[in-house]
Amino acid sequence: MGLALGGAAGTRLGSKLGLAASRNTLLRLVRQAPLPTMPTPSVLGVDDWALRKRQSYGTVLIDLDRGRPVALLPDREAPTLAAWLREHPGVEVISRDRGGAYAKGARDGAPAAVQVADRFHLLQNLAETLELVFTAHAKDLHAAEQGRRQTVAAENVTYPVPPSKPPPGVQELAAGRREQRIATHGQVWHLRGQGWTAEAIARHLGIGRASVFRTLRHEVLPERERRADAGRSLLDPWQDAVLGHWNSGRRDGRGLFRELRRQGYRGSYATLSRYLHRLRRAQGGVPERERPWQSPPVLAAAPRRVLTPRTATWLVLRRADKRSTEDQMLLADVRRQAPNLEEAVGLAEAFTALVRDRAPDRLDPWLKRAADGAVQQMQRFAKRLSADYDAVRAALTLTWSNGPVEGQINRLKTLKRQMYGRANLDLLERRFLLAA
C-alpha cells in the first residue's frame, strides 16, 4: 500500500473495491504495513517539525544525496537522534540547524561524521541578534526615520502633514504603563544580580518566565515597537486627492466630501474634517520666512514606511545591489545615530558577506573583531559561533545545506493537514515515506 488513508477515503475505497471492511480496518492494515528498507545515507539532513505547534515536535531525517525522506523521530531530543545514528552506522555528513540538541545527538551517535551548520540558520541567528541591537536603540531608529522624512520634504520643497496625536488621557495611561515596565525591568535585574533563577524571579514578581528571559536580554529597557499600521485611515487611498484639492487653494470640506463619495470613499465626514484640521494646523505652523513668495506652503503626505527593529534588520541583510537609493540613505542615517549601531551594522554586513561568499578565511578575523567590539549582543553571537566552530566553518567550505530538508517539511505539513484527525505519528510516517 503506497498511501495511508483518511477515514472517509478509506470508506470510499472499500466500497469501490467491494471490500467488506470498515475504514478503521483499512487504516489498521496500513499501520501494519512494513516501512521501506532504505540504505543508510552518507549525507543526512536533520531538522525539527511540529506535530502540534508549540506543544509537540518531532525530527525529520532526509537523505540529501537522494533527496528522499528516511525517518520521522517522535521528538527532537539528543538521545533519540543519537540512538538512530547508532542503529544506522555509516553517516559521514550531518547537516543541521544551530540547535544544541542535534549537535549533541550527532556527536554522540556518529562522532566521526562531519557536522555542517545550515547557512540559512546562520543568517537567521544573525537577524535575531541584530534585531536585539535595534530594539535597544529604538529611539535612534525613530530619529533616523524622522530625519530622513524631513530631508525628503526639504528636497521636494514640501512640508509633511503632522501625525495625529492621541488624547491626553491615552498619553498619561501610556506613560504610567511605561513607568511600571521600567520598575519591573529594574526588579528583574536586581534579583538576577542576587543569584535568583528565572523561575524564582517569575514567581516572586508574578510574571511569566518567558517575560523574565526577555527582560534579561537587555540591561536597559528597550522602547516598545510601534505598530506597523499606526496612523492608517479609511482616507488613505484618497490622500493624494485631498492634498491636491487643498494645495490648489480649495478649502470646501463639504464639497470635497461629496466628490470623494462619488469616487468610492466610505468613511465619515468627521474623519475627513479631522484630517483637514491637521492640514490647516500644518500650514499655520510653518514660519512665514520659510514660505517662498509669501505663498502657503505645499503639503505632502509623510512616507508610510515605519522603521522598526525588524524592518531595519532586513534592510541590513538585504543584498547591496537590491537596496534602493532610499534604502541606502536610510541605512546611512541609522549608522550615524550611535557608535554601537555603526559597529553592529558593519559586523552584520561583514558576516553576511562571508557566508554568501563562502569565505572561511574571513571567519576567524570576524570572530575576533566581534568579540573585541563594544556591542554585547554581537559578542554573545560570536561566542555561540565559536562554541560551534567546526560546524560553522564546514558551512563555509561544503555545499550541503538544509534546503531540501525544508522542502520535505513543507510536504510533510501538507500531508498532515490532509489527514486531519488521523495524523498520528505511525500513520503519518508511512504516508510520508511510502508516497515519496
Protein backbone atom coordinates (compact mmCIF):
# COMPACT_ATOMS: atom_id res chain seq x y z
CA MET A 1 0.00 0.00 0.00
CA GLY A 2 1.59 3.25 -1.11
CA LEU A 3 -0.72 5.71 0.67
CA ALA A 4 -2.23 5.99 4.11
CA LEU A 5 -5.92 6.81 4.03
CA GLY A 6 -8.12 9.13 5.98
CA GLY A 7 -11.42 7.83 7.41
CA ALA A 8 -13.77 8.93 4.61
CA ALA A 9 -11.24 7.99 1.94
CA GLY A 10 -10.90 4.53 3.46
CA THR A 11 -14.66 4.02 3.34
CA ARG A 12 -14.88 5.13 -0.31
CA LEU A 13 -12.01 2.85 -1.34
CA GLY A 14 -13.56 -0.11 0.46
CA SER A 15 -16.86 0.36 -1.39
CA LYS A 16 -15.14 0.74 -4.78
CA LEU A 17 -13.15 -2.46 -4.34
CA GLY A 18 -16.12 -4.36 -2.97
CA LEU A 19 -14.38 -5.00 0.37
CA ALA A 20 -16.45 -5.80 3.40
CA ALA A 21 -14.22 -3.81 5.71
CA SER A 22 -14.64 -0.67 7.75
CA ARG A 23 -12.42 2.38 7.44
CA ASN A 24 -10.75 1.54 10.74
CA THR A 25 -9.81 -1.89 9.41
CA LEU A 26 -8.18 -0.33 6.34
CA LEU A 27 -6.28 2.15 8.47
CA ARG A 28 -5.13 -0.64 10.77
CA LEU A 29 -3.80 -2.59 7.77
CA VAL A 30 -1.90 0.48 6.60
CA ARG A 31 -0.39 0.88 10.06
CA GLN A 32 0.79 -2.72 9.91
CA ALA A 33 2.44 -2.27 6.52
CA PRO A 34 6.23 -2.50 6.83
CA LEU A 35 8.25 0.65 6.28
CA PRO A 36 10.52 0.64 3.23
CA THR A 37 14.07 -0.54 3.75
CA MET A 38 16.49 2.17 2.75
CA PRO A 39 20.27 2.24 2.70
CA THR A 40 21.94 4.36 5.35
CA PRO A 41 22.52 7.80 3.82
CA SER A 42 26.05 9.12 3.69
CA VAL A 43 24.77 12.72 3.91
CA LEU A 44 21.93 13.23 6.37
CA GLY A 45 19.77 16.35 6.79
CA VAL A 46 18.22 16.87 10.23
CA ASP A 47 15.56 19.35 11.31
CA ASP A 48 12.53 19.59 13.57
CA TRP A 49 8.86 19.72 12.59
CA ALA A 50 5.69 20.40 14.54
CA LEU A 51 3.28 17.55 15.11
CA ARG A 52 1.29 20.07 17.18
CA LYS A 53 2.67 23.60 17.04
CA ARG A 54 4.22 24.89 20.28
CA GLN A 55 3.33 21.64 22.04
CA SER A 56 4.71 18.56 20.31
CA TYR A 57 7.70 18.37 17.96
CA GLY A 58 9.49 15.61 16.10
CA THR A 59 12.58 15.23 13.95
CA VAL A 60 12.69 14.60 10.21
CA LEU A 61 15.68 12.81 8.64
CA ILE A 62 16.37 13.32 4.93
CA ASP A 63 18.87 11.60 2.63
CA LEU A 64 20.42 14.66 0.98
CA ASP A 65 22.19 12.58 -1.68
CA ARG A 66 18.94 11.11 -2.99
CA GLY A 67 16.54 13.81 -1.82
CA ARG A 68 14.34 11.23 -0.06
CA PRO A 69 12.93 11.08 3.48
CA VAL A 70 14.48 8.45 5.71
CA ALA A 71 12.61 8.54 9.00
CA LEU A 72 10.44 10.54 11.38
CA LEU A 73 11.53 10.58 15.02
CA PRO A 74 8.97 11.17 17.79
CA ASP A 75 10.82 14.08 19.45
CA ARG A 76 13.77 16.43 18.96
CA GLU A 77 15.93 15.27 21.82
CA ALA A 78 19.61 14.41 21.55
CA PRO A 79 19.33 10.78 22.84
CA THR A 80 16.68 9.93 20.21
CA LEU A 81 18.85 11.16 17.33
CA ALA A 82 21.95 9.50 18.80
CA ALA A 83 20.13 6.16 19.11
CA TRP A 84 19.03 6.28 15.45
CA LEU A 85 22.56 7.09 14.29
CA ARG A 86 23.99 4.16 16.28
CA GLU A 87 21.44 1.82 14.68
CA HIS A 88 22.39 3.13 11.21
CA PRO A 89 26.17 3.45 11.09
CA GLY A 90 27.81 4.95 8.03
CA VAL A 91 26.58 8.56 8.07
CA GLU A 92 29.50 10.76 7.01
CA VAL A 93 27.99 14.27 6.92
CA ILE A 94 25.16 15.69 9.02
CA SER A 95 23.56 19.00 8.00
CA ARG A 96 21.57 20.57 10.81
CA ASP A 97 20.29 23.81 12.28
CA ARG A 98 22.03 25.55 15.19
CA GLY A 99 20.12 23.64 17.87
CA GLY A 100 22.29 22.27 20.66
CA ALA A 101 20.28 19.05 20.95
CA TYR A 102 21.03 17.99 17.36
CA ALA A 103 24.69 18.91 17.75
CA LYS A 104 24.98 16.71 20.84
CA GLY A 105 22.95 13.88 19.32
CA ALA A 106 25.13 13.85 16.19
CA ARG A 107 28.29 13.99 18.28
CA ASP A 108 27.16 11.07 20.49
CA GLY A 109 25.64 8.89 17.76
CA ALA A 110 28.12 9.48 14.91
CA PRO A 111 31.30 11.03 16.35
CA ALA A 112 33.21 10.58 13.08
CA ALA A 113 30.61 12.42 10.97
CA VAL A 114 31.23 15.99 9.82
CA GLN A 115 28.58 18.36 11.15
CA VAL A 116 27.51 21.24 8.88
CA ALA A 117 25.60 24.25 10.25
CA ASP A 118 22.91 25.32 7.81
CA ARG A 119 23.75 28.69 6.22
CA PHE A 120 20.15 29.91 6.30
CA HIS A 121 20.04 29.33 10.05
CA LEU A 122 23.35 31.18 10.47
CA LEU A 123 21.85 34.26 8.84
CA GLN A 124 18.63 33.77 10.79
CA ASN A 125 20.61 33.78 14.06
CA LEU A 126 22.37 36.94 12.90
CA ALA A 127 18.99 38.54 12.17
CA GLU A 128 17.76 37.70 15.68
CA THR A 129 20.91 39.23 17.18
CA LEU A 130 20.67 42.36 15.06
CA GLU A 131 17.02 42.78 15.99
CA LEU A 132 18.03 42.81 19.66
CA VAL A 133 20.58 45.55 18.91
CA PHE A 134 17.99 47.68 17.11
CA THR A 135 15.41 47.10 19.85
CA ALA A 136 17.84 48.55 22.37
CA HIS A 137 18.26 51.58 20.06
CA ALA A 138 14.59 52.13 19.16
CA LYS A 139 14.88 55.87 19.82
CA ASP A 140 17.81 56.13 17.42
CA LEU A 141 15.80 54.32 14.72
CA HIS A 142 12.93 56.76 15.22
CA ALA A 143 15.33 59.72 14.98
CA ALA A 144 16.80 58.35 11.75
CA GLU A 145 13.34 57.84 10.27
CA GLN A 146 12.20 61.37 11.19
CA GLY A 147 15.42 62.87 9.86
CA ARG A 148 15.00 61.09 6.54
CA ARG A 149 11.41 62.34 6.22
CA GLN A 150 12.48 65.92 6.88
CA THR A 151 15.28 65.64 4.34
CA VAL A 152 12.93 64.32 1.66
CA ALA A 153 10.42 67.08 2.42
CA ALA A 154 13.15 69.77 2.17
CA GLU A 155 14.39 68.37 -1.14
CA ASN A 156 10.88 68.45 -2.59
CA VAL A 157 10.11 71.92 -1.09
CA THR A 158 7.14 70.46 0.75
CA TYR A 159 6.10 70.17 4.38
CA PRO A 160 4.92 66.83 5.81
CA VAL A 161 1.50 66.61 7.38
CA PRO A 162 1.96 66.13 11.14
CA PRO A 163 0.64 62.85 12.59
CA SER A 164 -2.45 62.85 14.73
CA LYS A 165 -1.86 62.97 18.46
CA PRO A 166 -3.57 60.64 20.94
CA PRO A 167 -5.84 62.23 23.56
CA PRO A 168 -4.15 63.41 26.79
CA GLY A 169 -5.73 60.62 28.81
CA VAL A 170 -4.26 57.98 26.50
CA GLN A 171 -0.82 59.62 26.74
CA GLU A 172 -0.99 59.62 30.53
CA LEU A 173 -2.02 55.96 30.59
CA ALA A 174 0.86 55.02 28.27
CA ALA A 175 3.33 56.96 30.43
CA GLY A 176 2.10 55.18 33.56
CA ARG A 177 2.48 51.75 31.95
CA ARG A 178 5.99 52.64 30.79
CA GLU A 179 6.98 53.59 34.36
CA GLN A 180 5.62 50.24 35.51
CA ARG A 181 7.70 48.39 32.89
CA ILE A 182 10.81 50.32 33.96
CA ALA A 183 10.22 49.32 37.59
CA THR A 184 9.69 45.65 36.71
CA HIS A 185 12.79 45.66 34.50
CA GLY A 186 14.87 47.03 37.36
CA GLN A 187 13.47 44.45 39.83
CA VAL A 188 14.28 41.55 37.48
CA TRP A 189 17.89 42.64 37.03
CA HIS A 190 18.28 43.36 40.76
CA LEU A 191 17.09 39.87 41.73
CA ARG A 192 19.20 38.32 38.98
CA GLY A 193 22.24 40.07 40.42
CA GLN A 194 21.49 38.44 43.77
CA GLY A 195 21.62 35.00 42.16
CA TRP A 196 17.91 34.29 41.74
CA THR A 197 16.88 31.90 39.00
CA ALA A 198 14.47 32.96 36.27
CA GLU A 199 11.76 30.67 37.67
CA ALA A 200 12.14 32.17 41.15
CA ILE A 201 12.03 35.73 39.78
CA ALA A 202 8.87 34.94 37.83
CA ARG A 203 7.12 33.51 40.89
CA HIS A 204 8.24 36.39 43.12
CA LEU A 205 7.10 39.15 40.74
CA GLY A 206 4.04 37.34 39.42
CA ILE A 207 5.10 37.45 35.77
CA GLY A 208 5.77 34.76 33.17
CA ARG A 209 9.10 33.00 32.89
CA ALA A 210 9.30 34.00 29.23
CA SER A 211 8.95 37.64 30.29
CA VAL A 212 11.90 37.23 32.66
CA PHE A 213 14.11 35.75 29.94
CA ARG A 214 13.04 38.51 27.53
CA THR A 215 13.88 41.16 30.12
CA LEU A 216 17.32 39.67 30.77
CA ARG A 217 18.25 40.12 27.11
CA HIS A 218 18.56 43.89 27.66
CA GLU A 219 20.28 45.65 30.53
CA VAL A 220 18.42 48.83 29.58
CA LEU A 221 14.68 48.68 28.97
CA PRO A 222 14.11 48.87 25.19
CA GLU A 223 11.35 51.05 23.83
CA ARG A 224 8.31 49.22 22.58
CA GLU A 225 7.95 48.79 18.84
CA ARG A 226 5.37 50.98 17.18
CA ARG A 227 2.51 49.33 15.36
CA ALA A 228 3.17 48.99 11.65
CA ASP A 229 -0.42 50.07 10.94
CA ALA A 230 -0.32 53.13 13.23
CA GLY A 231 -1.99 56.14 11.63
CA ARG A 232 -3.81 54.21 8.94
CA SER A 233 -7.23 55.51 7.95
CA LEU A 234 -10.09 54.89 5.53
CA LEU A 235 -8.96 58.16 3.94
CA ASP A 236 -5.54 56.82 2.89
CA PRO A 237 -6.46 55.79 -0.70
CA TRP A 238 -7.77 59.35 -1.33
CA GLN A 239 -4.98 61.20 0.46
CA ASP A 240 -3.35 62.44 -2.75
CA ALA A 241 -6.70 63.76 -3.99
CA VAL A 242 -7.29 65.60 -0.70
CA LEU A 243 -3.80 67.13 -0.72
CA GLY A 244 -4.17 68.18 -4.37
CA HIS A 245 -7.51 69.78 -3.53
CA TRP A 246 -6.01 71.58 -0.54
CA ASN A 247 -2.76 72.73 -2.20
CA SER A 248 -4.73 74.23 -5.11
CA GLY A 249 -6.46 76.56 -2.67
CA ARG A 250 -9.84 74.81 -2.49
CA ARG A 251 -10.85 74.54 1.18
CA ASP A 252 -14.50 73.47 0.86
CA GLY A 253 -14.69 70.40 3.08
CA ARG A 254 -18.31 69.55 2.24
CA GLY A 255 -17.68 69.81 -1.48
CA LEU A 256 -14.58 67.64 -1.19
CA PHE A 257 -16.54 65.08 0.86
CA ARG A 258 -19.20 64.80 -1.87
CA GLU A 259 -16.50 64.41 -4.52
CA LEU A 260 -14.74 61.64 -2.57
CA ARG A 261 -18.03 59.84 -2.00
CA ARG A 262 -18.58 59.74 -5.76
CA GLN A 263 -15.10 58.20 -6.11
CA GLY A 264 -15.90 55.43 -3.61
CA TYR A 265 -14.91 56.85 -0.22
CA ARG A 266 -16.96 55.17 2.51
CA GLY A 267 -15.62 56.99 5.56
CA SER A 268 -17.41 59.68 7.51
CA TYR A 269 -17.23 63.43 7.08
CA ALA A 270 -15.80 63.65 10.62
CA THR A 271 -12.75 61.65 9.51
CA LEU A 272 -12.19 64.00 6.59
CA SER A 273 -12.76 67.03 8.81
CA ARG A 274 -10.13 65.89 11.31
CA TYR A 275 -7.62 65.40 8.50
CA LEU A 276 -8.37 68.86 7.07
CA HIS A 277 -7.82 70.29 10.54
CA ARG A 278 -4.36 68.71 10.55
CA LEU A 279 -3.65 70.29 7.16
CA ARG A 280 -4.76 73.67 8.46
CA ARG A 281 -2.58 73.28 11.53
CA ALA A 282 0.41 72.20 9.41
CA GLN A 283 0.18 75.28 7.16
CA GLY A 284 -0.33 77.59 10.10
CA GLY A 285 2.71 76.18 11.86
CA VAL A 286 5.15 76.98 9.04
CA PRO A 287 7.00 80.29 9.72
CA GLU A 288 6.35 82.97 7.09
CA ARG A 289 10.08 83.45 6.47
CA GLU A 290 10.21 79.83 5.19
CA ARG A 291 7.35 80.37 2.75
CA PRO A 292 8.53 81.06 -0.82
CA TRP A 293 6.97 84.27 -2.22
CA GLN A 294 4.76 84.50 0.88
CA SER A 295 2.54 81.76 -0.61
CA PRO A 296 1.02 78.99 1.52
CA PRO A 297 3.43 76.04 1.86
CA VAL A 298 2.81 72.95 -0.23
CA LEU A 299 1.88 69.99 1.95
CA ALA A 300 2.76 66.37 1.24
CA ALA A 301 1.86 63.10 2.93
CA ALA A 302 4.56 61.71 5.19
CA PRO A 303 6.01 58.39 3.96
CA ARG A 304 4.16 55.38 5.32
CA ARG A 305 7.29 53.36 5.86
CA VAL A 306 7.92 52.67 9.54
CA LEU A 307 11.46 51.79 10.59
CA THR A 308 11.06 49.08 13.24
CA PRO A 309 13.85 46.84 14.60
CA ARG A 310 12.67 44.07 12.26
CA THR A 311 12.49 46.19 9.11
CA ALA A 312 15.87 47.73 9.96
CA THR A 313 17.32 44.23 10.36
CA TRP A 314 16.20 43.09 6.91
CA LEU A 315 17.38 46.37 5.45
CA VAL A 316 20.89 45.48 6.66
CA LEU A 317 20.72 41.86 5.49
CA ARG A 318 19.38 42.73 2.05
CA ARG A 319 21.95 42.37 -0.70
CA ALA A 320 23.62 45.69 -1.51
CA ASP A 321 22.66 45.51 -5.19
CA LYS A 322 18.99 45.12 -4.24
CA ARG A 323 18.85 48.18 -1.96
CA SER A 324 17.13 51.20 -3.42
CA THR A 325 18.66 54.66 -3.18
CA GLU A 326 16.21 55.45 -0.38
CA ASP A 327 17.30 52.28 1.48
CA GLN A 328 20.96 53.25 1.20
CA MET A 329 20.38 56.76 2.52
CA LEU A 330 18.18 55.49 5.35
CA LEU A 331 20.78 52.92 6.37
CA ALA A 332 23.47 55.60 6.33
CA ASP A 333 21.30 57.74 8.63
CA VAL A 334 20.85 54.79 11.01
CA ARG A 335 24.60 54.18 11.20
CA ARG A 336 25.22 57.83 12.09
CA GLN A 337 22.87 57.75 15.06
CA ALA A 338 25.14 55.88 17.52
CA PRO A 339 28.61 54.27 17.54
CA ASN A 340 27.11 50.91 18.55
CA LEU A 341 24.78 50.98 15.55
CA GLU A 342 27.68 51.75 13.22
CA GLU A 343 29.66 48.82 14.64
CA ALA A 344 26.73 46.39 14.67
CA VAL A 345 25.72 47.15 11.07
CA GLY A 346 29.34 46.83 9.91
CA LEU A 347 29.74 43.47 11.65
CA ALA A 348 26.42 42.20 10.27
CA GLU A 349 27.30 43.17 6.70
CA ALA A 350 30.73 41.55 7.00
CA PHE A 351 29.30 38.29 8.37
CA THR A 352 26.57 38.17 5.73
CA ALA A 353 29.18 38.66 3.02
CA LEU A 354 31.50 35.92 4.27
CA VAL A 355 28.60 33.45 4.47
CA ARG A 356 27.31 34.28 0.98
CA ASP A 357 30.83 34.31 -0.48
CA ARG A 358 31.77 31.02 1.29
CA ALA A 359 34.93 32.63 2.64
CA PRO A 360 36.20 30.56 5.61
CA ASP A 361 39.45 32.57 5.71
CA ARG A 362 37.43 35.62 6.89
CA LEU A 363 35.70 33.78 9.72
CA ASP A 364 38.45 33.93 12.38
CA PRO A 365 39.15 37.68 11.92
CA TRP A 366 35.42 38.36 12.12
CA LEU A 367 35.04 36.37 15.34
CA LYS A 368 37.92 38.29 16.93
CA ARG A 369 36.55 41.64 15.76
CA ALA A 370 33.09 40.87 17.17
CA ALA A 371 34.46 39.51 20.47
CA ASP A 372 36.64 42.60 20.97
CA GLY A 373 33.88 45.04 19.99
CA ALA A 374 31.60 47.11 22.18
CA VAL A 375 28.25 45.59 21.11
CA GLN A 376 27.31 42.99 23.71
CA GLN A 377 24.75 41.25 21.52
CA MET A 378 27.38 40.69 18.82
CA GLN A 379 29.83 39.45 21.44
CA ARG A 380 27.35 36.80 22.55
CA PHE A 381 26.62 35.84 18.93
CA ALA A 382 30.35 35.41 18.24
CA LYS A 383 30.69 33.32 21.40
CA ARG A 384 27.95 30.95 20.26
CA LEU A 385 29.56 30.64 16.84
CA SER A 386 32.92 29.83 18.45
CA ALA A 387 31.27 27.09 20.52
CA ASP A 388 30.02 25.54 17.26
CA TYR A 389 33.14 26.48 15.29
CA ASP A 390 33.72 23.27 13.30
CA ALA A 391 30.12 23.13 12.03
CA VAL A 392 30.13 26.84 11.15
CA ARG A 393 33.39 26.53 9.25
CA ALA A 394 32.10 23.43 7.44
CA ALA A 395 29.09 25.50 6.30
CA LEU A 396 31.53 27.83 4.53
CA THR A 397 33.55 25.06 2.88
CA LEU A 398 30.95 22.39 1.97
CA THR A 399 27.98 22.69 -0.37
CA TRP A 400 25.46 20.82 1.78
CA SER A 401 22.58 22.70 3.36
CA ASN A 402 19.15 22.07 4.85
CA GLY A 403 17.28 23.49 1.84
CA PRO A 404 15.98 20.05 0.69
CA VAL A 405 15.01 19.29 4.29
CA GLU A 406 12.84 22.42 4.46
CA GLY A 407 11.15 21.33 1.22
CA GLN A 408 10.33 17.92 2.67
CA ILE A 409 8.98 19.56 5.83
CA ASN A 410 6.58 21.62 3.69
CA ARG A 411 5.45 18.39 2.03
CA LEU A 412 5.02 16.78 5.45
CA LYS A 413 2.84 19.69 6.60
CA THR A 414 0.62 19.25 3.56
CA LEU A 415 0.18 15.55 4.26
CA LYS A 416 -0.56 16.21 7.92
CA ARG A 417 -3.32 18.68 7.03
CA GLN A 418 -4.84 16.27 4.52
CA MET A 419 -5.02 13.66 7.29
CA TYR A 420 -6.74 15.92 9.78
CA GLY A 421 -7.97 13.80 12.68
CA ARG A 422 -5.90 10.74 11.65
CA ALA A 423 -2.38 12.17 11.61
CA ASN A 424 -0.86 10.08 14.36
CA LEU A 425 2.87 9.61 14.02
CA ASP A 426 2.78 5.99 12.80
CA LEU A 427 0.20 6.67 10.06
CA LEU A 428 1.83 9.94 9.05
CA GLU A 429 5.26 8.33 8.85
CA ARG A 430 4.01 5.60 6.49
CA ARG A 431 2.37 8.06 4.16
CA PHE A 432 5.43 10.33 4.25
CA LEU A 433 7.86 7.52 3.46
CA LEU A 434 5.79 5.25 1.22
CA ALA A 435 4.49 8.03 -1.03
CA ALA A 436 7.92 9.61 -1.53
